[in-house]
Amino acid sequence: MVLCLLSRTLQLARHSYSPLGRPLCSTSANKPVLTLFTKKPCPLCDEAKEVLEPYKRRVILQEVDITLPENSAWCDKYKYDIPVFHLNGKFLMKHRVDIQKFEDQLMKQELRNDGKQ
């Protein structure tokens, strides 16, 4: 009974929102967002995702298909450069994953996020 109640409480907490519309409690609330600008097919994008697989618990991976009409501005900007990565909305790298650069920036972002808590 106690476990059931605790489980339900955690479920509610995970989906609670502040008056500003931001999650109050979420396992991913403070994770950095890694945006991958991609298209189909993209073998380099597939390769990059494999390289980044070990980091999937530390970031939220958001993919943006630049071929969709609503992403035409990104297509104009990156059509010859994919894969392109942004970390929390800022350009990070393109063409291939620079693992050292990624780790350095991810660590900085995580330290920044820890300081906000």
C-alpha atoms as a PDB file:
ATOM      1  CA  MET A   1       0.000   0.000   0.000  1.00  0.00           C
ATOM      2  CA  VAL A   2       2.764   2.452   0.938  1.00  0.00           C
ATOM      3  CA  LEU A   3       4.730   1.627  -2.229  1.00  0.00           C
ATOM      4  CA  CYS A   4       1.639   2.150  -4.355  1.00  0.00           C
ATOM      5  CA  LEU A   5       1.004   5.534  -2.733  1.00  0.00           C
ATOM      6  CA  LEU A   6       4.645   6.552  -3.092  1.00  0.00           C
ATOM      7  CA  SER A   7       4.652   5.502  -6.739  1.00  0.00           C
ATOM      8  CA  ARG A   8       1.508   7.546  -7.436  1.00  0.00           C
ATOM      9  CA  THR A   9       2.987  10.563  -5.647  1.00  0.00           C
ATOM     10  CA  LEU A  10       6.113  10.385  -7.792  1.00  0.00           C
ATOM     11  CA  GLN A  11       3.996  10.125 -10.947  1.00  0.00           C
ATOM     12  CA  LEU A  12       2.040  13.234  -9.965  1.00  0.00           C
ATOM     13  CA  ALA A  13       5.210  15.138  -9.066  1.00  0.00           C
ATOM     14  CA  ARG A  14       6.754  14.305 -12.426  1.00  0.00           C
ATOM     15  CA  HIS A  15       3.796  15.894 -14.202  1.00  0.00           C
ATOM     16  CA  SER A  16       3.260  18.925 -11.947  1.00  0.00           C
ATOM     17  CA  TYR A  17       3.743  22.366 -13.436  1.00  0.00           C
ATOM     18  CA  SER A  18       4.463  25.768 -11.982  1.00  0.00           C
ATOM     19  CA  PRO A  19       2.297  28.789 -12.856  1.00  0.00           C
ATOM     20  CA  LEU A  20       4.880  29.632 -15.533  1.00  0.00           C
ATOM     21  CA  GLY A  21       4.218  26.342 -17.321  1.00  0.00           C
ATOM     22  CA  ARG A  22       7.581  24.802 -16.515  1.00  0.00           C
ATOM     23  CA  PRO A  23       7.830  21.370 -14.903  1.00  0.00           C
ATOM     24  CA  LEU A  24       8.305  21.579 -11.142  1.00  0.00           C
ATOM     25  CA  CYS A  25       9.859  18.149 -10.896  1.00  0.00           C
ATOM     26  CA  SER A  26      11.125  16.066 -13.748  1.00  0.00           C
ATOM     27  CA  THR A  27      13.936  13.643 -14.243  1.00  0.00           C
ATOM     28  CA  SER A  28      14.853  15.494 -17.443  1.00  0.00           C
ATOM     29  CA  ALA A  29      14.110  19.066 -16.303  1.00  0.00           C
ATOM     30  CA  ASN A  30      17.784  19.966 -15.840  1.00  0.00           C
ATOM     31  CA  LYS A  31      19.307  17.907 -18.619  1.00  0.00           C
ATOM     32  CA  PRO A  32      20.993  19.849 -21.409  1.00  0.00           C
ATOM     33  CA  VAL A  33      19.261  19.650 -24.794  1.00  0.00           C
ATOM     34  CA  LEU A  34      21.383  18.391 -27.669  1.00  0.00           C
ATOM     35  CA  THR A  35      19.729  19.255 -30.983  1.00  0.00           C
ATOM     36  CA  LEU A  36      20.694  17.242 -34.049  1.00  0.00           C
ATOM     37  CA  PHE A  37      19.881  18.859 -37.397  1.00  0.00           C
ATOM     38  CA  THR A  38      19.443  15.969 -39.807  1.00  0.00           C
ATOM     39  CA  LYS A  39      17.595  14.576 -42.825  1.00  0.00           C
ATOM     40  CA  LYS A  40      16.865  11.139 -44.259  1.00  0.00           C
ATOM     41  CA  PRO A  41      19.059   9.448 -45.348  1.00  0.00           C
ATOM     42  CA  CYS A  42      22.077  10.675 -43.419  1.00  0.00           C
ATOM     43  CA  PRO A  43      24.730   8.037 -42.718  1.00  0.00           C
ATOM     44  CA  LEU A  44      26.910  10.588 -40.901  1.00  0.00           C
ATOM     45  CA  CYS A  45      23.954  11.404 -38.625  1.00  0.00           C
ATOM     46  CA  ASP A  46      23.449   7.711 -37.884  1.00  0.00           C
ATOM     47  CA  GLU A  47      27.149   7.382 -37.083  1.00  0.00           C
ATOM     48  CA  ALA A  48      27.018  10.454 -34.814  1.00  0.00           C
ATOM     49  CA  LYS A  49      24.035   9.057 -32.905  1.00  0.00           C
ATOM     50  CA  GLU A  50      25.956   5.831 -32.294  1.00  0.00           C
ATOM     51  CA  VAL A  51      28.949   7.772 -30.951  1.00  0.00           C
ATOM     52  CA  LEU A  52      26.627   9.742 -28.637  1.00  0.00           C
ATOM     53  CA  GLU A  53      24.721   6.682 -27.390  1.00  0.00           C
ATOM     54  CA  PRO A  54      26.678   6.510 -24.082  1.00  0.00           C
ATOM     55  CA  TYR A  55      25.519  10.077 -23.291  1.00  0.00           C
ATOM     56  CA  LYS A  56      21.783   9.498 -23.750  1.00  0.00           C
ATOM     57  CA  ARG A  57      21.147   9.626 -19.990  1.00  0.00           C
ATOM     58  CA  ARG A  58      22.932  12.960 -19.645  1.00  0.00           C
ATOM     59  CA  VAL A  59      21.212  14.863 -22.467  1.00  0.00           C
ATOM     60  CA  ILE A  60      17.868  15.172 -24.155  1.00  0.00           C
ATOM     61  CA  LEU A  61      18.446  14.447 -27.853  1.00  0.00           C
ATOM     62  CA  GLN A  62      16.123  16.461 -30.062  1.00  0.00           C
ATOM     63  CA  GLU A  63      16.195  15.790 -33.788  1.00  0.00           C
ATOM     64  CA  VAL A  64      15.213  18.417 -36.350  1.00  0.00           C
ATOM     65  CA  ASP A  65      14.510  17.174 -39.868  1.00  0.00           C
ATOM     66  CA  ILE A  66      15.686  20.076 -42.033  1.00  0.00           C
ATOM     67  CA  THR A  67      13.689  18.802 -45.035  1.00  0.00           C
ATOM     68  CA  LEU A  68      10.334  19.581 -43.410  1.00  0.00           C
ATOM     69  CA  PRO A  69       8.685  22.791 -44.668  1.00  0.00           C
ATOM     70  CA  GLU A  70       8.577  24.319 -41.162  1.00  0.00           C
ATOM     71  CA  ASN A  71      12.370  23.912 -40.920  1.00  0.00           C
ATOM     72  CA  SER A  72      13.263  25.619 -44.204  1.00  0.00           C
ATOM     73  CA  ALA A  73      15.409  28.249 -42.455  1.00  0.00           C
ATOM     74  CA  TRP A  74      17.547  25.459 -40.959  1.00  0.00           C
ATOM     75  CA  CYS A  75      17.693  23.756 -44.365  1.00  0.00           C
ATOM     76  CA  ASP A  76      18.995  26.944 -45.972  1.00  0.00           C
ATOM     77  CA  LYS A  77      21.617  27.267 -43.256  1.00  0.00           C
ATOM     78  CA  TYR A  78      22.750  23.644 -42.856  1.00  0.00           C
ATOM     79  CA  LYS A  79      21.844  21.703 -46.025  1.00  0.00           C
ATOM     80  CA  TYR A  80      25.509  21.043 -46.855  1.00  0.00           C
ATOM     81  CA  ASP A  81      26.738  20.590 -43.297  1.00  0.00           C
ATOM     82  CA  ILE A  82      24.636  17.947 -41.550  1.00  0.00           C
ATOM     83  CA  PRO A  83      24.927  16.559 -39.050  1.00  0.00           C
ATOM     84  CA  VAL A  84      24.944  19.805 -37.091  1.00  0.00           C
ATOM     85  CA  PHE A  85      24.635  19.928 -33.324  1.00  0.00           C
ATOM     86  CA  HIS A  86      23.483  22.657 -30.965  1.00  0.00           C
ATOM     87  CA  LEU A  87      23.766  22.353 -27.195  1.00  0.00           C
ATOM     88  CA  ASN A  88      21.004  24.270 -25.412  1.00  0.00           C
ATOM     89  CA  GLY A  89      20.359  26.332 -28.530  1.00  0.00           C
ATOM     90  CA  LYS A  90      23.978  27.249 -29.274  1.00  0.00           C
ATOM     91  CA  PHE A  91      26.027  25.875 -32.152  1.00  0.00           C
ATOM     92  CA  LEU A  92      28.371  23.148 -30.961  1.00  0.00           C
ATOM     93  CA  MET A  93      29.765  21.165 -33.919  1.00  0.00           C
ATOM     94  CA  LYS A  94      29.101  19.914 -37.438  1.00  0.00           C
ATOM     95  CA  HIS A  95      29.960  17.041 -39.799  1.00  0.00           C
ATOM     96  CA  ARG A  96      31.294  14.677 -37.128  1.00  0.00           C
ATOM     97  CA  VAL A  97      31.151  14.389 -33.359  1.00  0.00           C
ATOM     98  CA  ASP A  98      34.122  16.038 -31.685  1.00  0.00           C
ATOM     99  CA  ILE A  99      33.869  14.006 -28.490  1.00  0.00           C
ATOM    100  CA  GLN A 100      36.336  16.168 -26.528  1.00  0.00           C
ATOM    101  CA  LYS A 101      34.522  19.379 -27.407  1.00  0.00           C
ATOM    102  CA  PHE A 102      31.176  17.748 -26.652  1.00  0.00           C
ATOM    103  CA  GLU A 103      32.328  16.452 -23.259  1.00  0.00           C
ATOM    104  CA  ASP A 104      33.839  19.814 -22.305  1.00  0.00           C
ATOM    105  CA  GLN A 105      30.691  21.740 -23.185  1.00  0.00           C
ATOM    106  CA  LEU A 106      28.413  19.144 -21.616  1.00  0.00           C
ATOM    107  CA  MET A 107      30.383  19.287 -18.363  1.00  0.00           C
ATOM    108  CA  LYS A 108      30.177  23.100 -18.317  1.00  0.00           C
ATOM    109  CA  GLN A 109      26.433  22.943 -18.922  1.00  0.00           C
ATOM    110  CA  GLU A 110      25.904  20.344 -16.193  1.00  0.00           C
ATOM    111  CA  LEU A 111      27.899  22.414 -13.700  1.00  0.00           C
ATOM    112  CA  ARG A 112      25.846  25.483 -14.632  1.00  0.00           C
ATOM    113  CA  ASN A 113      22.607  23.515 -14.166  1.00  0.00           C
ATOM    114  CA  ASP A 114      23.779  22.125 -10.805  1.00  0.00           C
ATOM    115  CA  GLY A 115      24.471  25.660  -9.612  1.00  0.00           C
ATOM    116  CA  LYS A 116      20.878  26.687 -10.403  1.00  0.00           C
ATOM    117  CA  GLN A 117      19.345  24.042  -8.174  1.00  0.00           C
END
